Protein backbone atom coordinates (compact mmCIF):
# COMPACT_ATOMS: atom_id res chain seq x y z
CA MET A 1 -2.66 -18.34 -9.00
CA ASN A 2 -6.22 -19.01 -8.11
CA SER A 3 -8.16 -16.37 -10.02
CA GLU A 4 -11.05 -16.40 -7.58
CA ILE A 5 -11.68 -12.96 -6.12
CA THR A 6 -12.32 -12.81 -2.41
CA ASN A 7 -14.40 -10.15 -0.73
CA ASP A 8 -15.36 -10.83 2.87
CA LYS A 9 -17.29 -7.65 3.69
CA ASP A 10 -20.36 -9.69 4.53
CA ASP A 11 -18.43 -11.91 6.93
CA LEU A 12 -16.26 -9.72 9.10
CA LYS A 13 -14.94 -12.50 11.32
CA THR A 14 -11.14 -12.50 11.36
CA THR A 15 -9.64 -15.32 9.31
CA GLN A 16 -7.82 -17.89 11.44
CA ASN A 17 -4.08 -17.33 11.25
CA PHE A 18 -2.57 -20.77 10.62
CA VAL A 19 0.92 -19.42 11.36
CA GLU A 20 -0.09 -19.14 15.01
CA ALA A 21 -0.69 -22.89 15.10
CA PHE A 22 2.90 -23.58 14.01
CA ILE A 23 4.31 -21.12 16.53
CA ALA A 24 2.15 -22.56 19.32
CA GLU A 25 3.35 -26.04 18.40
CA ASP A 26 7.00 -24.95 18.60
CA LEU A 27 6.37 -23.35 21.99
CA ARG A 28 4.70 -26.51 23.33
CA GLU A 29 7.63 -28.61 22.18
CA GLY A 30 10.17 -26.19 23.64
CA ARG A 31 12.02 -25.55 20.39
CA ASN A 32 14.71 -22.86 20.41
CA ASP A 33 14.39 -22.55 24.20
CA GLY A 34 10.87 -21.16 23.85
CA ARG A 35 12.04 -18.06 22.02
CA ILE A 36 9.98 -16.27 19.36
CA HIS A 37 12.12 -14.13 17.10
CA THR A 38 10.94 -13.03 13.65
CA ARG A 39 12.28 -10.60 11.05
CA PHE A 40 11.02 -8.40 8.24
CA PRO A 41 13.57 -8.57 5.38
CA PRO A 42 12.77 -6.01 2.63
CA GLU A 43 14.98 -5.41 -0.38
CA PRO A 44 15.92 -1.69 -0.55
CA ASN A 45 15.19 -1.51 -4.30
CA GLY A 46 11.82 0.26 -4.18
CA TYR A 47 9.12 1.58 -1.91
CA LEU A 48 6.95 -0.71 0.19
CA HIS A 49 3.42 -1.44 -1.04
CA ILE A 50 0.38 -2.83 0.69
CA GLY A 51 1.54 -6.39 0.04
CA HIS A 52 4.52 -5.69 2.26
CA ALA A 53 2.12 -4.36 4.90
CA LYS A 54 0.65 -7.85 5.15
CA ALA A 55 4.11 -9.29 5.84
CA ILE A 56 4.95 -6.50 8.28
CA CYS A 57 1.76 -7.12 10.26
CA LEU A 58 2.57 -10.83 10.48
CA ASP A 59 6.26 -10.51 11.31
CA PHE A 60 5.86 -7.82 13.95
CA GLY A 61 2.42 -9.03 15.03
CA MET A 62 3.52 -12.55 15.89
CA ALA A 63 6.46 -11.19 17.89
CA GLN A 64 4.14 -8.87 19.81
CA GLN A 65 1.54 -11.54 20.42
CA TYR A 66 4.01 -14.04 21.86
CA GLY A 67 6.28 -11.63 23.72
CA GLY A 68 9.10 -12.04 21.23
CA LYS A 69 11.24 -9.81 19.05
CA CYS A 70 11.18 -8.78 15.41
CA ASN A 71 14.24 -7.55 13.51
CA LEU A 72 14.31 -5.22 10.55
CA ARG A 73 16.88 -6.61 8.13
CA PHE A 74 17.54 -5.13 4.72
CA ASP A 75 18.35 -7.71 2.06
CA ASP A 76 20.94 -5.49 0.38
CA THR A 77 22.71 -8.08 -1.76
CA ASN A 78 22.28 -6.37 -5.15
CA PRO A 79 23.95 -2.94 -5.21
CA THR A 80 22.93 -2.33 -8.83
CA LYS A 81 19.30 -1.75 -7.76
CA GLU A 82 19.55 -0.43 -4.20
CA ASP A 83 19.47 3.08 -2.80
CA VAL A 84 19.57 4.78 0.60
CA GLU A 85 16.34 6.57 -0.40
CA TYR A 86 14.56 3.22 -0.31
CA VAL A 87 16.09 2.32 3.05
CA ASP A 88 14.80 5.56 4.59
CA SER A 89 11.34 5.18 3.06
CA ILE A 90 11.00 1.60 4.31
CA LYS A 91 11.79 2.62 7.87
CA GLU A 92 9.32 5.51 7.68
CA ASP A 93 6.54 3.22 6.42
CA ILE A 94 7.07 0.60 9.12
CA GLN A 95 6.96 3.24 11.83
CA TRP A 96 3.86 4.81 10.26
CA LEU A 97 2.11 1.44 10.52
CA GLY A 98 2.87 1.51 14.23
CA PHE A 99 5.68 -1.04 14.54
CA ASP A 100 9.09 -0.68 16.18
CA TRP A 101 12.18 -2.80 15.58
CA GLU A 102 13.82 -1.05 18.60
CA ASN A 103 17.62 -1.35 18.21
CA ARG A 104 17.49 -4.37 15.90
CA GLU A 105 18.23 -2.83 12.50
CA PHE A 106 20.40 -5.14 10.45
CA TYR A 107 21.57 -5.60 6.87
CA ALA A 108 22.57 -8.66 4.90
CA SER A 109 25.73 -6.67 4.19
CA ASP A 110 26.51 -6.90 7.92
CA TYR A 111 27.19 -10.57 7.25
CA PHE A 112 29.14 -10.38 4.00
CA GLY A 113 32.27 -11.48 5.87
CA LYS A 114 30.53 -14.42 7.53
CA LEU A 115 28.84 -15.42 4.27
CA TRP A 116 32.18 -15.31 2.48
CA ASP A 117 33.71 -17.51 5.17
CA PHE A 118 30.82 -19.95 4.89
CA ALA A 119 31.23 -20.10 1.11
CA VAL A 120 34.95 -20.77 1.52
CA ASP A 121 34.12 -23.52 4.03
CA LEU A 122 31.73 -25.14 1.53
CA ILE A 123 34.48 -25.09 -1.10
CA LYS A 124 36.94 -26.69 1.34
CA ARG A 125 34.38 -29.41 2.11
CA GLY A 126 33.83 -30.11 -1.57
CA LEU A 127 30.30 -28.66 -1.46
CA ALA A 128 30.83 -25.66 -3.77
CA TYR A 129 32.69 -25.00 -7.03
CA VAL A 130 33.42 -22.19 -9.47
CA ASP A 131 31.63 -22.53 -12.79
CA ASP A 132 32.93 -20.72 -15.88
CA GLN A 133 29.78 -21.21 -17.92
CA SER A 134 27.36 -18.46 -18.89
CA ALA A 135 23.98 -18.09 -17.18
CA GLU A 136 22.33 -19.40 -20.35
CA GLU A 137 24.49 -22.51 -20.41
CA ILE A 138 23.83 -23.21 -16.74
CA SER A 139 20.09 -22.75 -17.27
CA ASN A 140 20.10 -25.14 -20.24
CA GLN A 141 21.79 -27.82 -18.14
CA LYS A 142 19.26 -27.61 -15.31
CA GLY A 143 16.93 -30.14 -16.98
CA THR A 144 13.21 -30.27 -16.31
CA ILE A 145 10.97 -31.47 -13.52
CA THR A 146 10.91 -34.93 -15.13
CA GLN A 147 14.44 -34.91 -16.57
CA PRO A 148 17.61 -34.73 -14.43
CA GLY A 149 20.05 -31.93 -15.04
CA ILE A 150 23.48 -32.26 -16.61
CA GLU A 151 26.51 -31.79 -14.41
CA SER A 152 28.74 -28.84 -15.21
CA PRO A 153 32.10 -29.71 -16.81
CA PHE A 154 33.66 -27.65 -13.98
CA ARG A 155 31.93 -29.57 -11.21
CA SER A 156 34.97 -31.77 -10.56
CA ARG A 157 37.46 -28.96 -10.15
CA SER A 158 39.87 -29.42 -7.28
CA ILE A 159 39.31 -27.66 -3.99
CA ASP A 160 42.53 -25.67 -4.41
CA GLU A 161 41.54 -24.46 -7.90
CA ASN A 162 38.07 -23.45 -6.69
CA LEU A 163 39.53 -21.52 -3.76
CA ASP A 164 42.03 -19.76 -6.00
CA LEU A 165 39.36 -18.77 -8.52
CA PHE A 166 36.91 -17.62 -5.85
CA TYR A 167 39.48 -15.31 -4.26
CA ARG A 168 40.45 -13.94 -7.68
CA MET A 169 36.77 -13.34 -8.46
CA ASN A 170 36.59 -11.03 -5.45
CA GLU A 171 39.82 -9.30 -6.41
CA GLY A 172 38.15 -8.09 -9.61
CA GLU A 173 40.29 -10.16 -11.96
CA PHE A 174 37.36 -11.53 -13.96
CA ASP A 175 34.53 -9.85 -15.85
CA GLU A 176 30.98 -9.82 -14.59
CA ALA A 177 29.00 -12.92 -15.62
CA SER A 178 32.19 -14.77 -16.53
CA ARG A 179 32.19 -16.97 -13.44
CA VAL A 180 29.90 -17.91 -10.57
CA LEU A 181 30.15 -19.98 -7.43
CA ARG A 182 27.66 -22.85 -7.23
CA ALA A 183 26.71 -25.14 -4.36
CA LYS A 184 27.33 -28.81 -5.17
CA ILE A 185 24.12 -30.57 -4.17
CA ASP A 186 22.20 -32.84 -6.57
CA MET A 187 21.64 -32.32 -10.29
CA ALA A 188 19.02 -35.08 -10.26
CA SER A 189 16.93 -33.62 -7.45
CA PRO A 190 13.21 -33.34 -8.22
CA ASN A 191 13.46 -29.82 -6.77
CA MET A 192 15.02 -27.59 -9.42
CA HIS A 193 16.40 -25.24 -6.76
CA MET A 194 18.59 -28.04 -5.41
CA ARG A 195 20.37 -28.58 -8.75
CA ASP A 196 23.64 -26.88 -7.89
CA PRO A 197 22.24 -23.36 -7.30
CA ILE A 198 24.37 -20.28 -7.87
CA ILE A 199 25.38 -18.78 -4.53
CA TYR A 200 27.78 -15.98 -5.59
CA ARG A 201 28.12 -13.79 -8.68
CA ILE A 202 30.54 -11.07 -9.76
CA LEU A 203 29.20 -7.50 -9.50
CA LYS A 204 31.66 -4.65 -9.91
CA THR A 205 29.33 -2.08 -8.41
CA ALA A 206 30.00 -0.12 -5.24
CA HIS A 207 27.69 -0.99 -2.37
CA HIS A 208 25.91 1.81 -0.47
CA ARG A 209 27.27 0.47 2.83
CA THR A 210 30.45 -1.50 2.04
CA GLY A 211 31.81 0.60 -0.81
CA ASP A 212 34.25 -1.20 -3.14
CA LYS A 213 35.28 -3.88 -0.66
CA TRP A 214 33.43 -6.67 -2.45
CA LYS A 215 33.43 -7.65 -6.11
CA VAL A 216 31.29 -10.73 -5.48
CA TYR A 217 27.88 -10.71 -3.83
CA PRO A 218 25.78 -13.56 -2.39
CA MET A 219 22.53 -14.61 -4.04
CA TYR A 220 19.28 -14.21 -2.10
CA ASP A 221 18.89 -17.92 -1.30
CA PHE A 222 22.40 -18.04 0.11
CA ALA A 223 22.18 -14.84 2.16
CA HIS A 224 18.64 -15.12 3.46
CA GLY A 225 18.67 -18.27 5.58
CA GLN A 226 22.19 -17.70 6.87
CA SER A 227 21.28 -14.18 7.97
CA ASP A 228 18.33 -15.68 9.83
CA TYR A 229 20.73 -18.09 11.51
CA PHE A 230 23.28 -15.42 12.43
CA GLU A 231 20.51 -13.34 14.09
CA GLY A 232 18.92 -16.21 16.00
CA ILE A 233 15.63 -15.98 14.10
CA THR A 234 13.20 -18.71 15.12
CA HIS A 235 10.48 -18.26 12.49
CA SER A 236 11.22 -17.10 8.98
CA LEU A 237 7.81 -16.05 7.64
CA CYS A 238 7.71 -15.58 3.88
CA THR A 239 5.31 -15.76 0.95
CA LEU A 240 4.30 -18.91 -0.89
CA GLU A 241 6.67 -18.54 -3.84
CA PHE A 242 9.48 -19.43 -1.41
CA GLU A 243 7.90 -22.73 -0.41
CA ILE A 244 9.82 -24.55 -3.13
CA HIS A 245 13.01 -22.86 -1.87
CA ARG A 246 12.56 -24.30 1.63
CA PRO A 247 14.62 -27.51 1.03
CA LEU A 248 17.53 -25.33 -0.09
CA TYR A 249 17.02 -23.03 2.91
CA ASP A 250 17.21 -26.09 5.18
CA TRP A 251 20.21 -27.56 3.33
CA PHE A 252 22.28 -24.44 3.88
CA ILE A 253 21.27 -24.34 7.56
CA ASP A 254 22.29 -28.00 7.90
CA GLN A 255 25.79 -27.15 6.62
CA LEU A 256 26.05 -24.12 8.91
CA LYS A 257 24.49 -25.06 12.23
CA THR A 258 26.55 -26.25 15.16
CA ASP A 259 23.81 -27.16 17.66
CA ASP A 260 20.08 -27.91 17.85
CA TYR A 261 19.00 -24.35 17.03
CA ARG A 262 17.56 -23.77 13.58
CA PRO A 263 15.09 -21.25 12.14
CA ARG A 264 11.83 -22.58 10.72
CA GLN A 265 10.53 -21.25 7.40
CA ILE A 266 6.73 -20.89 7.15
CA GLU A 267 5.01 -19.68 3.98
CA PHE A 268 1.77 -17.73 3.59
CA ASN A 269 -0.15 -16.34 0.62
CA ARG A 270 0.74 -13.03 -0.93
CA LEU A 271 -1.58 -10.05 -0.97
CA ASN A 272 -2.98 -9.51 -4.46
CA LEU A 273 -5.57 -6.82 -5.24
CA THR A 274 -8.01 -6.33 -8.07
CA TYR A 275 -7.42 -3.33 -10.37
CA THR A 276 -3.87 -3.13 -9.00
CA VAL A 277 -0.32 -3.91 -10.12
CA MET A 278 1.81 -5.23 -7.25
CA SER A 279 5.14 -5.89 -8.99
CA LYS A 280 7.82 -3.48 -7.76
CA ARG A 281 9.43 -3.62 -11.19
CA LYS A 282 6.21 -2.56 -12.90
CA LEU A 283 5.54 0.10 -10.28
CA LEU A 284 9.03 1.48 -10.91
CA GLU A 285 8.24 1.63 -14.63
CA LEU A 286 5.12 3.69 -13.89
CA VAL A 287 7.28 6.15 -11.95
CA ARG A 288 10.13 6.30 -14.47
CA ASP A 289 7.78 6.72 -17.43
CA GLY A 290 5.91 9.58 -15.76
CA ILE A 291 2.57 7.77 -15.77
CA VAL A 292 2.29 8.63 -12.09
CA SER A 293 3.84 11.57 -10.27
CA GLY A 294 6.09 9.42 -8.09
CA TRP A 295 6.16 6.53 -5.65
CA ASP A 296 3.79 8.50 -3.41
CA ASP A 297 1.22 9.19 -6.13
CA PRO A 298 -2.14 8.60 -4.38
CA ARG A 299 -3.10 6.10 -7.09
CA MET A 300 -0.16 3.84 -6.25
CA PRO A 301 -0.55 0.85 -3.88
CA THR A 302 2.60 1.97 -2.07
CA LEU A 303 2.26 2.75 1.61
CA CYS A 304 3.46 6.30 1.02
CA GLY A 305 0.88 6.67 -1.76
CA LEU A 306 -1.91 5.33 0.41
CA ARG A 307 -0.79 7.62 3.24
CA ARG A 308 -0.90 10.64 0.93
CA ARG A 309 -4.34 9.63 -0.27
CA GLY A 310 -5.65 9.58 3.28
CA TYR A 311 -5.49 5.93 4.32
CA THR A 312 -4.78 5.31 7.98
CA PRO A 313 -2.52 2.66 9.53
CA GLU A 314 -5.55 1.30 11.37
CA SER A 315 -7.51 0.80 8.15
CA ILE A 316 -4.65 -1.07 6.49
CA LYS A 317 -4.15 -3.32 9.50
CA ARG A 318 -7.90 -3.92 9.63
CA PHE A 319 -7.88 -4.92 5.98
CA VAL A 320 -5.00 -7.34 6.56
CA ASP A 321 -6.90 -8.77 9.50
CA LEU A 322 -10.00 -9.29 7.35
CA ILE A 323 -8.25 -11.15 4.53
CA GLY A 324 -6.11 -13.23 6.89
CA TYR A 325 -3.26 -15.63 6.07
CA THR A 326 -3.76 -18.88 4.19
CA LYS A 327 -1.88 -21.35 1.98
CA VAL A 328 -4.02 -20.52 -1.08
CA GLU A 329 -3.22 -17.72 -3.52
CA ALA A 330 -6.17 -15.51 -4.40
CA ILE A 331 -6.97 -12.01 -5.58
CA ASN A 332 -8.56 -9.83 -2.92
CA ASP A 333 -11.22 -7.36 -3.96
CA VAL A 334 -9.88 -3.81 -3.59
CA SER A 335 -13.37 -2.75 -2.47
CA LEU A 336 -12.66 -4.56 0.81
CA LEU A 337 -9.67 -2.29 1.37
CA GLU A 338 -11.86 0.70 0.57
CA TYR A 339 -14.46 -0.61 2.99
CA ALA A 340 -11.83 -0.82 5.75
CA VAL A 341 -10.70 2.79 5.30
CA ARG A 342 -14.29 4.02 4.95
CA GLU A 343 -15.22 2.39 8.27
CA ASP A 344 -12.17 3.81 10.01
CA LEU A 345 -12.54 7.35 8.67
CA ASN A 346 -16.24 7.34 9.54
CA LYS A 347 -15.27 7.05 13.18
CA ARG A 348 -12.40 9.51 13.29
CA THR A 349 -12.98 12.31 10.76
CA PRO A 350 -14.93 15.54 11.33
CA ARG A 351 -17.75 16.38 8.92
CA VAL A 352 -17.24 19.56 6.92
CA PHE A 353 -18.81 21.36 3.98
CA GLY A 354 -17.09 21.39 0.61
CA VAL A 355 -18.63 22.22 -2.76
CA LEU A 356 -16.71 20.75 -5.69
CA ASN A 357 -18.69 22.24 -8.60
CA PRO A 358 -20.13 25.46 -7.18
CA LEU A 359 -23.39 27.05 -8.24
CA ARG A 360 -24.28 30.40 -6.64
CA VAL A 361 -27.57 30.63 -4.71
CA VAL A 362 -29.11 33.96 -3.70
CA ILE A 363 -31.69 33.95 -0.89
CA GLU A 364 -33.65 36.99 -1.94
CA ASN A 365 -35.59 37.57 1.30
CA TYR A 366 -32.54 37.13 3.55
CA PRO A 367 -31.25 40.50 4.86
CA GLU A 368 -28.36 41.90 2.86
CA GLY A 369 -25.13 42.25 4.85
CA LYS A 370 -26.32 39.88 7.57
CA THR A 371 -24.14 36.97 8.70
CA GLU A 372 -25.10 34.44 11.33
CA GLU A 373 -23.46 31.26 12.56
CA VAL A 374 -25.03 27.84 12.59
CA GLU A 375 -23.74 25.18 14.95
CA LEU A 376 -22.99 21.79 13.45
CA ILE A 377 -21.93 18.47 14.97
CA ASN A 378 -18.41 17.54 13.95
CA ASN A 379 -18.91 13.79 14.06
CA PRO A 380 -22.12 12.05 15.13
CA GLU A 381 -20.06 8.86 15.67
CA ASP A 382 -17.91 10.57 18.30
CA GLU A 383 -19.50 13.19 20.56
CA ASN A 384 -16.06 14.04 21.97
CA GLN A 385 -15.26 15.82 18.71
CA GLY A 386 -17.77 18.49 19.71
CA THR A 387 -19.33 21.07 17.43
CA ARG A 388 -18.25 23.93 15.21
CA LYS A 389 -19.85 27.14 13.95
CA VAL A 390 -20.20 27.81 10.23
CA PRO A 391 -21.12 31.24 8.80
CA PHE A 392 -24.39 31.61 6.87
CA CYS A 393 -25.34 34.58 4.73
CA ARG A 394 -27.53 35.73 1.84
CA GLU A 395 -25.41 34.18 -0.93
CA LEU A 396 -24.25 30.57 -0.85
CA PHE A 397 -22.70 27.92 -3.05
CA ILE A 398 -24.28 24.53 -3.63
CA GLU A 399 -23.29 21.68 -5.98
CA GLN A 400 -24.31 22.14 -9.60
CA ASP A 401 -25.72 18.60 -9.53
CA ASP A 402 -28.04 19.60 -6.71
CA PHE A 403 -30.07 21.83 -9.03
CA MET A 404 -32.22 20.90 -12.04
CA GLU A 405 -34.68 23.16 -13.76
CA ASN A 406 -36.64 20.29 -15.30
CA PRO A 407 -35.91 17.30 -13.07
CA PRO A 408 -37.05 13.70 -13.40
CA SER A 409 -39.44 12.27 -10.86
CA LYS A 410 -38.05 11.59 -7.39
CA PHE A 411 -35.51 14.40 -7.70
CA PHE A 412 -35.59 15.75 -4.17
CA ARG A 413 -32.93 18.41 -4.46
CA MET A 414 -33.28 22.01 -5.59
CA THR A 415 -35.74 22.74 -8.41
CA PRO A 416 -38.21 25.60 -9.03
CA GLY A 417 -41.13 25.50 -6.59
CA GLN A 418 -39.63 22.74 -4.41
CA GLU A 419 -38.43 23.11 -0.82
CA VAL A 420 -35.15 21.69 0.47
CA ARG A 421 -33.28 22.09 3.72
CA LEU A 422 -29.82 23.63 3.82
CA LYS A 423 -28.14 21.35 6.32
CA GLY A 424 -27.97 22.84 9.79
CA ALA A 425 -29.76 26.00 8.65
CA TYR A 426 -33.06 26.85 6.95
CA ILE A 427 -35.59 25.42 4.56
CA VAL A 428 -35.49 27.30 1.25
CA LYS A 429 -37.67 27.27 -1.86
CA CYS A 430 -36.32 27.85 -5.36
CA THR A 431 -38.05 30.73 -7.15
CA GLY A 432 -36.01 31.13 -10.31
CA VAL A 433 -32.74 30.69 -12.19
CA LYS A 434 -30.38 32.86 -14.22
CA LYS A 435 -28.60 31.22 -17.16
CA ASN A 436 -25.48 32.06 -19.09
CA SER A 437 -25.19 32.41 -22.88
CA ALA A 438 -24.90 28.64 -23.24
CA GLY A 439 -28.18 28.13 -21.41
CA GLU A 440 -26.49 26.75 -18.28
CA PRO A 441 -27.56 27.81 -14.77
CA GLU A 442 -25.17 30.34 -13.27
CA GLU A 443 -27.27 31.66 -10.39
CA VAL A 444 -30.31 30.28 -8.56
CA TYR A 445 -32.80 32.36 -6.56
CA CYS A 446 -34.61 31.23 -3.42
CA THR A 447 -36.61 32.38 -0.46
CA TYR A 448 -36.12 31.06 3.06
CA ASP A 449 -38.42 30.36 5.97
CA PRO A 450 -36.82 32.02 9.04
CA GLU A 451 -38.78 29.82 11.44
CA THR A 452 -37.17 26.59 10.20
CA ARG A 453 -33.71 27.06 11.70
CA SER A 454 -32.69 24.79 14.56
CA GLY A 455 -34.51 25.95 17.69
CA GLY A 456 -37.19 27.75 15.71
CA PRO A 457 -40.91 26.93 15.82
CA GLN A 458 -40.74 25.13 12.44
CA ALA A 459 -37.33 23.50 12.95
CA ASN A 460 -38.75 19.99 12.67
CA ARG A 461 -40.76 20.59 9.53
CA LYS A 462 -39.96 17.77 7.14
CA VAL A 463 -38.76 18.11 3.56
CA LYS A 464 -37.40 15.34 1.36
CA GLY A 465 -34.07 16.88 0.41
CA THR A 466 -31.12 18.19 2.45
CA LEU A 467 -28.17 19.92 0.76
CA HIS A 468 -24.69 20.92 1.90
CA TRP A 469 -23.56 24.47 1.19
CA VAL A 470 -20.84 27.05 1.74
CA SER A 471 -21.27 30.76 2.45
CA ALA A 472 -20.12 32.65 -0.66
CA GLN A 473 -18.77 35.53 1.40
CA HIS A 474 -16.65 33.26 3.61
CA ALA A 475 -15.80 30.45 1.20
CA VAL A 476 -12.17 29.34 0.81
CA ASP A 477 -10.98 28.45 -2.67
CA ALA A 478 -9.54 24.95 -2.91
CA GLU A 479 -8.25 22.42 -5.38
CA VAL A 480 -9.68 18.92 -5.19
CA ARG A 481 -8.08 15.88 -6.80
CA LEU A 482 -10.50 13.06 -7.46
CA TYR A 483 -8.48 9.86 -7.47
CA ASP A 484 -9.85 6.58 -8.70
CA ARG A 485 -8.41 3.17 -9.56
CA LEU A 486 -5.32 3.39 -11.74
CA PHE A 487 -6.37 0.43 -13.90
CA SER A 488 -9.76 -0.31 -15.41
CA ASP A 489 -9.14 -4.06 -15.70
CA GLU A 490 -9.77 -6.35 -12.75
CA ASP A 491 -6.45 -8.17 -13.20
CA PRO A 492 -4.16 -5.88 -15.21
CA SER A 493 -1.13 -8.16 -14.75
CA GLY A 494 -3.00 -11.35 -15.58
CA HIS A 495 -3.06 -11.04 -19.38
CA LYS A 496 -0.33 -12.88 -21.24
CA ASP A 497 1.75 -10.70 -23.56
CA ILE A 498 -0.28 -7.57 -22.72
CA ASP A 499 1.40 -4.71 -20.90
CA PRO A 500 -0.71 -3.69 -17.86
CA ARG A 501 -0.43 -0.11 -19.06
CA GLU A 502 -2.86 -1.02 -21.82
CA PHE A 503 -5.51 -1.01 -19.07
CA LEU A 504 -4.74 2.39 -17.56
CA ASN A 505 -7.90 4.14 -16.41
CA PRO A 506 -8.09 7.57 -18.11
CA GLU A 507 -10.37 8.76 -15.28
CA SER A 508 -7.96 7.76 -12.49
CA LEU A 509 -7.32 11.45 -11.74
CA ARG A 510 -9.54 14.48 -12.25
CA VAL A 511 -8.38 17.84 -10.90
CA LEU A 512 -11.08 20.32 -9.91
CA LYS A 513 -10.05 23.92 -9.39
CA GLY A 514 -12.25 26.66 -8.00
CA CYS A 515 -13.87 24.41 -5.43
CA LYS A 516 -15.31 26.11 -2.34
CA VAL A 517 -14.83 24.90 1.23
CA GLU A 518 -15.95 26.26 4.58
CA PRO A 519 -13.59 28.73 6.32
CA SER A 520 -12.52 26.24 9.01
CA LEU A 521 -10.43 24.53 6.30
CA ALA A 522 -8.39 27.60 5.41
CA ASP A 523 -5.37 26.52 7.46
CA VAL A 524 -5.43 22.74 7.14
CA LYS A 525 -2.17 20.87 7.41
CA PRO A 526 -1.02 18.05 5.11
CA LEU A 527 -2.59 14.66 5.85
CA GLU A 528 -5.47 16.10 7.90
CA LYS A 529 -8.58 14.09 7.06
CA PHE A 530 -12.22 15.06 6.70
CA GLN A 531 -15.55 13.83 5.49
CA PHE A 532 -16.96 16.26 2.96
CA GLN A 533 -20.63 15.76 3.69
CA ARG A 534 -22.49 13.83 0.99
CA LEU A 535 -19.29 13.59 -1.10
CA GLY A 536 -16.76 11.29 0.53
CA TYR A 537 -13.56 11.29 2.55
CA PHE A 538 -10.77 13.70 1.72
CA CYS A 539 -7.22 14.30 2.89
CA ALA A 540 -5.18 17.51 2.70
CA ASP A 541 -2.30 17.01 0.27
CA TYR A 542 1.35 17.96 0.79
CA ASP A 543 0.86 20.68 -1.85
CA THR A 544 -1.38 22.47 0.65
CA MET A 545 1.78 24.02 2.08
CA GLN A 546 2.26 25.98 -1.15
CA GLY A 547 -0.90 28.09 -0.90
CA ALA A 548 -4.61 27.35 -1.03
CA PRO A 549 -5.75 24.00 0.39
CA VAL A 550 -5.48 20.96 -1.84
CA PHE A 551 -7.52 17.87 -1.03
CA ASN A 552 -7.19 14.31 -2.27
CA ARG A 553 -10.28 12.14 -2.34
CA THR A 554 -9.51 9.06 -0.30
CA VAL A 555 -12.71 7.14 -1.00
CA GLY A 556 -16.36 7.85 -1.66
CA LEU A 557 -19.09 7.38 0.90
CA LYS A 558 -20.29 4.31 -1.01
CA ASP A 559 -18.75 1.67 -3.24
CA THR A 560 -20.01 3.17 -6.51
CA TRP A 561 -17.41 1.35 -8.64
CA SER A 562 -18.72 -2.12 -7.78
CA LYS A 563 -22.27 -0.93 -8.31
CA MET A 564 -21.44 0.42 -11.78
CA ASN A 565 -19.67 -2.79 -12.77
CA LYS A 566 -22.61 -4.93 -11.68
CA GLU A 567 -24.97 -2.77 -13.66
């Protein structure tokens, strides 16, 4: 993999999609009667992550762009790792992204009968044979790129013996791993995948759709292309690691096809992200070992995790659009993904007040018992979101970080003798502070200027600092979960012989209890999104249904991580 990290925030022009050129060429030449038919073929052995989103956007996007169709086809050829839970989650994620496979939901298992018949046909034509060797022996005979492989001692078995053994394999007569069916192609081919690949293996595990009917299951390379052919797929879009498999894909199609129709495989680069593990196997380990709370942990790159964290379908599709599709592997900077969601949430989320580390402020000259409402704009980017009214009273909460008794120069927040504006309300001046036994501020005292409220004679008086706040009398208690990158290393999977878990970021989750939010957030529903002014973008968590609101930080207002790393 090219280790170069790409970050195109400064050049927001969409990358040219080279796949479109191939499709346009096929349309000009009238291939497959001018049809465009793609498919998204996930394995139901885990939850989808953002890398799959890139494939989904291409598969469904090309079909939409050219007036074609896109199938959803589950590659369910390994029952030892598959589960209906994964099937359901995959469908939910695709729909969440905004795509629809209509009535075209298929499974590789739909074609187990046809694939079996095709395998039998290959045996009858002398193009497949049963091999009794172990996987290790077969691997040792494959040779190298510069050295031809060694033919199996079972390669010359008769057609009748191969047929007999293959049927008995499926009847459960033999142990797992004791026999396989191999295609008879070319043990001297420069392409290792053409050296008599295994096309069937024995698995005595019940399948979630076919039960105990089958004791042998097709390998991916055998099932994938043939399923494309059975469904009339015109363009099989897959990632670059399958480029070397393409000659085998085409060889199987050549043995199967009966007319001019054939699917065309086109490869594009995978989506790799800095500070992120993308292997489903490694993600599963994080879940099983309890390092994260589940597949939908907001630190996970899974689509359900990103959804729970507050990412939107539009931001993910925008990110995919920014990085584009090429033939070169690279690592994309996760800050570009964060930029995409930040830009999207800036347009769509209402601004609200939330105080994460509250410090009580008493406005001594404000009338006791009085409450008034200040009107605030919900989103200056979208006037259609209107305004809201927030209660203001004598006692408020501000952020602890917004007060310093002995500040450095250019500290424009609250400090004794200095004026600041409480956003949407009044200008106040700090007059004193009460400390606890540890010498820490626990209450700050101020006076306010009643003429500085919006509409008052001094409303436009300028001060250098503006603070957010929450009325102490009306504040709603909340829990806030500050999520950050799960790994502290830029390429946690790129270190030989080092487990990525060695690079876990101990600050990837901080839970703050006793936070204070404005009363409009008392009845938020899960996945509602907001900008906490001056703090970042937050999303109501599913746990909100269990009591007080719980918010997950989606992303900060600025890319502070990159800034810290540069420093």
